[in-house]
Amino acid sequence: MVTLCDRCGVREAKYLKASSGEKLCLNCLFNTIEDTVARTVRRFRLITSGDRVGIAVSGGKDSLVLMYLLGKLRRLGRIPKDTVLIAFSIDEGQPYSCVRRANSMDYVAKLTEEFNIEYKVFRFSELFGVTAFDIAQGLWGKGVNTHMCTICGVMRRRAMNIVGRMLNLTKIATGHNLDDEAQTVLLNVTGNDVKRFAWFGATPSNDVAEEEFIPRIKPLRFIREEEVALYAYYHGIPLMTIECPFVYNNPRYELKFTLARWERDNPNVKYSMVSFGDEVSKMVNERFKGQVKLNKCIHCGFPTSGSVCRVCELLKQAGLLERYINHIRPVNTQQGA
């Protein structure tokens, strides 16, 4: 016996949305995903008229779905039609990320043409004078056990701010989905790192504490990773078949399976985690409002809560700080830094 979709009552149900108990056809599932993203943008005012939004494209399914959806929603007028969308990728300079990006370049080119989205590529070597592998080799050679994901993450966040200023962006959209956000909450809780919640949320408030920081937005934060993957597959969006091997030692990797086990008993657990994180974020930001003073890093001049920023700390440990400073000095001089 064919089970019909609970939404349209016409097409055959193909997907059980466990959080609501609905049995949906693929068409209604995809409409639900698009509606959720559009609602998230409106509710949190993620994109407003006149914004120049950068779309951070890693080459994975989440960022490609994000690029597709923002292009489609703009074309349909569900986000302001005068929004400027500029997609960009950052080449960290480690082979696994290069392979990941190369596999999706044809599709990115298709989206740039279909939705009139400009696309640019930036490289760590151009922005910092060093690559992620240079830093890893420097750290590991000195016995400093820093995970590659930490290196890429710290440097990529800085790179996005630099790129944002170069492109005159007002927002940077990232492909974080519901699973990513729930994992972040668990990491902050298990790491006893309450202050990290200040950076959590759809529009992290202290990402804009200084002009050097470009606000981040997360339009996919209420979409489950499984649903992102289904949307990608049925819309012809490439799914990555090669995963970076460093991910298997990343704490998030185990949390992914932990959350999956919990979800079997409580289908809403990821939504609950994100809601909890949002509430804690509000409390933390209210508690420390006006108390966080940002200084200028004594080496590079970027904002930091201490005297040396995390980027310069990593590079100093790797023995690459002087190389980095010499690389950025002409740029800072031209900008009057």
Protein backbone atom coordinates (compact mmCIF):
# COMPACT_ATOMS: atom_id res chain seq x y z
CA MET A 1 0.00 0.00 0.00
CA VAL A 2 1.35 3.43 -0.97
CA THR A 3 1.66 5.98 1.85
CA LEU A 4 0.80 9.48 0.67
CA CYS A 5 2.60 12.62 1.74
CA ASP A 6 1.14 14.23 4.89
CA ARG A 7 1.59 17.70 3.38
CA CYS A 8 0.28 17.50 -0.17
CA GLY A 9 -1.73 14.25 0.07
CA VAL A 10 -0.93 13.56 -3.59
CA ARG A 11 2.59 12.20 -4.01
CA GLU A 12 4.07 9.13 -2.37
CA ALA A 13 5.82 9.75 0.95
CA LYS A 14 9.54 9.05 0.71
CA TYR A 15 10.94 10.63 3.87
CA LEU A 16 10.02 10.46 7.55
CA LYS A 17 10.71 13.76 9.29
CA ALA A 18 11.15 12.22 12.72
CA SER A 19 11.18 15.55 14.59
CA SER A 20 7.57 16.26 13.54
CA GLY A 21 6.42 12.72 12.72
CA GLU A 22 5.50 13.80 9.18
CA LYS A 23 5.82 11.51 6.18
CA LEU A 24 6.82 13.69 3.25
CA CYS A 25 7.28 13.34 -0.48
CA LEU A 26 10.58 14.68 -1.76
CA ASN A 27 8.92 17.75 -3.25
CA CYS A 28 7.40 18.77 0.10
CA LEU A 29 10.63 17.94 1.92
CA PHE A 30 12.58 20.26 -0.36
CA ASN A 31 9.94 22.98 -0.03
CA THR A 32 10.21 22.63 3.76
CA ILE A 33 13.99 23.05 3.60
CA GLU A 34 13.72 26.16 1.42
CA ASP A 35 10.96 27.61 3.64
CA THR A 36 13.05 26.99 6.78
CA VAL A 37 16.07 28.76 5.31
CA ALA A 38 13.97 31.71 4.13
CA ARG A 39 12.28 31.91 7.56
CA THR A 40 15.65 31.80 9.35
CA VAL A 41 16.93 34.68 7.20
CA ARG A 42 13.81 36.75 7.98
CA ARG A 43 13.58 35.89 11.69
CA PHE A 44 17.17 36.81 12.48
CA ARG A 45 17.45 39.52 9.81
CA LEU A 46 20.47 37.70 8.41
CA ILE A 47 20.23 39.49 5.05
CA THR A 48 18.76 42.95 4.55
CA SER A 49 18.41 45.22 1.54
CA GLY A 50 21.73 46.39 0.15
CA ASP A 51 23.85 43.70 1.85
CA ARG A 52 26.97 42.38 0.16
CA VAL A 53 27.02 38.76 1.28
CA GLY A 54 30.07 36.56 0.88
CA ILE A 55 29.35 32.83 0.59
CA ALA A 56 32.19 30.75 2.01
CA VAL A 57 32.51 27.76 -0.34
CA SER A 58 34.58 24.85 0.96
CA GLY A 59 33.58 22.48 -1.82
CA GLY A 60 31.48 20.30 0.49
CA LYS A 61 27.73 19.70 0.16
CA ASP A 62 26.72 22.21 2.83
CA SER A 63 28.41 25.23 1.28
CA LEU A 64 27.28 24.25 -2.23
CA VAL A 65 23.67 23.85 -1.07
CA LEU A 66 24.00 27.22 0.68
CA MET A 67 25.22 28.86 -2.53
CA TYR A 68 22.39 27.26 -4.52
CA LEU A 69 19.69 28.22 -2.00
CA LEU A 70 20.79 31.84 -1.57
CA GLY A 71 20.91 32.23 -5.35
CA LYS A 72 17.45 30.67 -5.76
CA LEU A 73 15.87 32.62 -2.87
CA ARG A 74 17.24 35.90 -4.23
CA ARG A 75 15.87 35.12 -7.70
CA LEU A 76 12.45 34.37 -6.17
CA GLY A 77 12.53 37.55 -4.09
CA ARG A 78 12.51 35.63 -0.78
CA ILE A 79 15.65 37.52 0.18
CA PRO A 80 16.15 41.11 -1.06
CA LYS A 81 16.75 41.12 -4.80
CA ASP A 82 19.33 43.90 -4.43
CA THR A 83 21.53 41.62 -2.30
CA VAL A 84 24.97 41.20 -3.86
CA LEU A 85 26.19 37.58 -3.57
CA ILE A 86 29.91 36.89 -3.88
CA ALA A 87 31.09 33.31 -3.40
CA PHE A 88 34.68 32.66 -2.41
CA SER A 89 36.94 29.75 -1.51
CA ILE A 90 40.05 29.76 0.62
CA ASP A 91 42.85 27.39 -0.35
CA GLU A 92 44.57 26.40 2.90
CA GLY A 93 47.51 24.87 1.10
CA GLN A 94 47.04 21.27 2.16
CA PRO A 95 46.32 18.64 -0.53
CA TYR A 96 43.12 17.22 0.92
CA SER A 97 41.31 20.54 0.82
CA CYS A 98 42.61 21.13 -2.70
CA VAL A 99 41.15 17.81 -3.94
CA ARG A 100 37.86 18.55 -2.20
CA ARG A 101 37.56 21.92 -3.94
CA ALA A 102 38.71 20.71 -7.36
CA ASN A 103 35.90 18.13 -7.44
CA SER A 104 33.24 20.84 -7.16
CA MET A 105 34.64 23.58 -9.38
CA ASP A 106 32.54 22.71 -12.43
CA TYR A 107 29.39 22.92 -10.34
CA VAL A 108 30.44 26.22 -8.73
CA ALA A 109 30.98 27.64 -12.23
CA LYS A 110 27.45 26.48 -13.15
CA LEU A 111 25.96 28.28 -10.14
CA THR A 112 27.86 31.49 -10.81
CA GLU A 113 26.29 31.61 -14.26
CA GLU A 114 22.81 30.43 -13.26
CA PHE A 115 22.38 32.84 -10.35
CA ASN A 116 24.75 35.67 -11.32
CA ILE A 117 27.08 35.08 -8.37
CA GLU A 118 30.68 36.26 -8.62
CA TYR A 119 33.30 33.72 -7.47
CA LYS A 120 36.87 34.21 -6.27
CA VAL A 121 39.63 32.02 -4.83
CA PHE A 122 42.10 33.17 -2.16
CA ARG A 123 45.12 31.29 -0.85
CA PHE A 124 46.80 31.12 2.54
CA SER A 125 50.13 31.55 0.75
CA GLU A 126 48.93 34.87 -0.70
CA LEU A 127 47.25 36.12 2.47
CA PHE A 128 49.79 34.96 5.06
CA GLY A 129 52.93 33.99 3.18
CA VAL A 130 52.60 30.45 4.59
CA THR A 131 50.34 27.44 4.02
CA ALA A 132 48.52 25.25 6.54
CA PHE A 133 51.07 22.50 5.89
CA ASP A 134 53.94 24.91 6.56
CA ILE A 135 52.42 25.68 9.95
CA ALA A 136 51.69 22.01 10.72
CA GLN A 137 55.23 20.96 9.86
CA GLY A 138 56.64 23.78 11.96
CA LEU A 139 54.52 22.84 14.97
CA TRP A 140 54.87 19.09 14.72
CA GLY A 141 58.60 19.38 14.07
CA LYS A 142 58.90 21.14 17.44
CA GLY A 143 56.77 18.54 19.20
CA VAL A 144 53.70 20.80 19.49
CA ASN A 145 50.68 18.52 19.13
CA THR A 146 48.19 20.85 17.43
CA HIS A 147 45.47 19.28 15.30
CA MET A 148 45.36 20.18 11.62
CA CYS A 149 41.68 21.15 12.00
CA THR A 150 42.71 23.72 14.62
CA ILE A 151 45.36 25.16 12.32
CA CYS A 152 43.00 25.40 9.35
CA GLY A 153 40.18 26.73 11.52
CA VAL A 154 42.17 29.51 13.21
CA MET A 155 43.81 30.66 10.01
CA ARG A 156 40.64 30.36 7.92
CA ARG A 157 38.68 32.56 10.32
CA ARG A 158 41.34 35.25 9.97
CA ALA A 159 41.40 34.76 6.21
CA MET A 160 37.63 35.27 5.99
CA ASN A 161 37.92 38.61 7.78
CA ILE A 162 40.69 39.71 5.43
CA VAL A 163 38.70 38.55 2.39
CA GLY A 164 35.61 40.27 3.75
CA ARG A 165 37.43 43.59 3.91
CA MET A 166 38.96 43.10 0.47
CA LEU A 167 35.52 42.45 -1.07
CA ASN A 168 33.75 45.08 1.02
CA LEU A 169 31.33 42.48 2.41
CA THR A 170 28.69 43.27 5.02
CA LYS A 171 28.09 39.59 5.94
CA ILE A 172 29.75 36.22 5.40
CA ALA A 173 27.42 33.21 5.08
CA THR A 174 28.76 29.81 6.14
CA GLY A 175 27.24 26.37 5.57
CA HIS A 176 26.90 25.33 9.23
CA ASN A 177 23.91 22.99 9.55
CA LEU A 178 21.91 21.83 12.59
CA ASP A 179 24.33 18.98 13.31
CA ASP A 180 27.33 21.33 13.27
CA GLU A 181 25.61 23.71 15.68
CA ALA A 182 24.58 20.91 18.07
CA GLN A 183 28.16 19.59 18.06
CA THR A 184 29.45 23.06 18.93
CA VAL A 185 27.14 23.21 21.95
CA LEU A 186 28.40 19.84 23.19
CA LEU A 187 32.04 20.86 22.66
CA ASN A 188 31.54 24.02 24.67
CA VAL A 189 29.79 22.14 27.48
CA THR A 190 32.23 19.23 27.70
CA GLY A 191 35.16 21.66 27.45
CA ASN A 192 33.69 23.80 30.28
CA ASP A 193 34.07 26.78 27.98
CA VAL A 194 31.07 28.99 28.79
CA LYS A 195 32.56 32.12 27.25
CA ARG A 196 32.73 30.40 23.86
CA PHE A 197 28.94 30.64 23.78
CA ALA A 198 29.38 34.38 23.18
CA TRP A 199 30.29 33.42 19.60
CA PHE A 200 27.33 31.05 19.22
CA GLY A 201 24.10 31.83 17.38
CA ALA A 202 22.69 32.84 14.02
CA THR A 203 24.28 36.28 14.31
CA PRO A 204 27.12 36.15 16.87
CA SER A 205 27.12 39.65 18.39
CA ASN A 206 30.80 40.02 19.19
CA ASP A 207 31.88 39.03 15.70
CA VAL A 208 31.13 42.67 14.92
CA ALA A 209 32.80 44.23 17.94
CA GLU A 210 35.38 45.89 15.73
CA GLU A 211 35.43 46.96 12.12
CA GLU A 212 37.97 44.24 11.33
CA PHE A 213 35.35 41.55 12.01
CA ILE A 214 32.79 40.73 9.33
CA PRO A 215 29.51 39.34 10.79
CA ARG A 216 28.91 35.64 10.13
CA ILE A 217 25.46 34.31 9.26
CA LYS A 218 24.28 30.68 9.19
CA PRO A 219 21.15 30.28 7.05
CA LEU A 220 21.28 26.43 7.25
CA ARG A 221 21.52 26.19 11.05
CA PHE A 222 18.06 24.61 11.44
CA ILE A 223 18.49 22.04 8.64
CA ARG A 224 19.66 18.54 9.58
CA GLU A 225 22.78 17.32 7.78
CA GLU A 226 20.85 14.32 6.42
CA GLU A 227 18.33 16.69 4.82
CA VAL A 228 21.10 18.84 3.34
CA ALA A 229 22.59 15.68 1.79
CA LEU A 230 19.23 14.62 0.31
CA TYR A 231 18.62 18.10 -1.08
CA ALA A 232 22.08 18.05 -2.65
CA TYR A 233 21.71 14.58 -4.17
CA TYR A 234 18.34 15.22 -5.82
CA HIS A 235 19.36 18.66 -7.10
CA GLY A 236 22.53 17.37 -8.76
CA ILE A 237 24.83 19.04 -6.25
CA PRO A 238 28.10 17.10 -5.88
CA LEU A 239 28.55 15.03 -2.74
CA MET A 240 32.12 14.73 -1.52
CA THR A 241 33.42 11.16 -1.77
CA ILE A 242 36.92 11.95 -0.43
CA GLU A 243 37.09 13.10 3.18
CA CYS A 244 40.08 14.82 4.76
CA PRO A 245 41.83 12.12 6.85
CA PHE A 246 42.51 14.58 9.67
CA VAL A 247 38.78 14.69 10.46
CA TYR A 248 38.90 11.26 12.10
CA ASN A 249 40.93 12.63 15.02
CA ASN A 250 38.74 15.71 15.35
CA PRO A 251 36.58 15.70 18.55
CA ARG A 252 33.55 16.59 16.40
CA TYR A 253 33.81 13.25 14.61
CA GLU A 254 32.85 11.23 17.70
CA LEU A 255 30.19 13.77 18.70
CA LYS A 256 28.49 13.22 15.34
CA PHE A 257 27.82 9.57 16.25
CA THR A 258 26.93 10.40 19.85
CA LEU A 259 24.23 12.80 18.66
CA ALA A 260 22.98 10.24 16.13
CA ARG A 261 22.49 7.69 18.96
CA TRP A 262 20.67 10.23 21.13
CA GLU A 263 18.50 11.25 18.19
CA ARG A 264 17.11 7.72 17.89
CA ASP A 265 15.47 8.11 21.32
CA ASN A 266 14.79 11.86 21.08
CA PRO A 267 14.26 13.04 17.47
CA ASN A 268 14.37 16.69 18.61
CA VAL A 269 17.61 16.50 20.57
CA LYS A 270 19.65 18.52 18.04
CA TYR A 271 17.03 21.28 17.93
CA SER A 272 17.01 21.30 21.74
CA MET A 273 20.80 21.59 21.82
CA VAL A 274 20.78 24.57 19.46
CA SER A 275 17.96 26.25 21.38
CA PHE A 276 19.91 25.73 24.62
CA GLY A 277 23.03 27.17 23.01
CA ASP A 278 21.11 30.24 21.83
CA GLU A 279 19.77 30.88 25.35
CA VAL A 280 23.21 30.48 26.93
CA SER A 281 24.64 32.81 24.28
CA LYS A 282 22.15 35.51 25.24
CA MET A 283 23.01 35.15 28.94
CA VAL A 284 26.76 35.16 28.34
CA ASN A 285 26.59 38.21 26.09
CA GLU A 286 24.40 40.04 28.61
CA ARG A 287 26.70 39.06 31.49
CA PHE A 288 29.86 40.31 29.79
CA LYS A 289 28.30 43.15 27.81
CA GLY A 290 30.69 46.08 27.71
CA GLN A 291 33.30 44.19 29.74
CA VAL A 292 35.22 42.63 26.85
CA LYS A 293 37.97 44.98 25.79
CA LEU A 294 39.74 44.13 22.57
CA ASN A 295 43.36 45.07 22.19
CA LYS A 296 45.52 45.20 19.08
CA CYS A 297 47.86 42.24 18.63
CA ILE A 298 51.41 43.46 19.22
CA HIS A 299 52.57 41.61 16.09
CA CYS A 300 49.90 41.96 13.40
CA GLY A 301 47.54 44.61 14.77
CA PHE A 302 44.38 42.49 14.60
CA PRO A 303 41.92 42.64 17.53
CA THR A 304 42.56 40.22 20.38
CA SER A 305 41.46 39.89 24.00
CA GLY A 306 45.10 39.56 25.10
CA SER A 307 48.30 41.01 23.73
CA VAL A 308 48.94 38.37 21.04
CA CYS A 309 46.24 36.95 18.74
CA ARG A 310 45.73 33.22 18.21
CA VAL A 311 47.10 33.42 14.65
CA CYS A 312 50.38 34.93 15.79
CA GLU A 313 50.59 32.47 18.69
CA LEU A 314 50.39 29.53 16.27
CA LEU A 315 52.88 31.06 13.85
CA LYS A 316 55.33 31.90 16.64
CA GLN A 317 55.15 28.32 17.93
CA ALA A 318 55.76 27.09 14.38
CA GLY A 319 58.74 29.41 13.94
CA LEU A 320 56.98 31.27 11.11
CA LEU A 321 55.96 34.54 12.77
CA GLU A 322 58.70 36.66 11.22
CA ARG A 323 57.91 35.28 7.76
CA TYR A 324 54.23 36.16 8.26
CA ILE A 325 54.92 39.68 9.57
CA ASN A 326 57.29 40.40 6.68
CA HIS A 327 54.61 39.20 4.27
CA ILE A 328 51.79 41.35 5.65
CA ARG A 329 53.88 44.44 6.49
CA PRO A 330 53.61 46.00 2.99
CA VAL A 331 49.81 45.43 3.06
CA ASN A 332 49.42 46.97 6.52
CA THR A 333 51.57 49.93 5.48
CA GLN A 334 49.39 50.56 2.42
CA GLN A 335 46.24 50.38 4.56
CA GLY A 336 47.70 52.67 7.20
CA ALA A 337 47.64 50.01 9.89
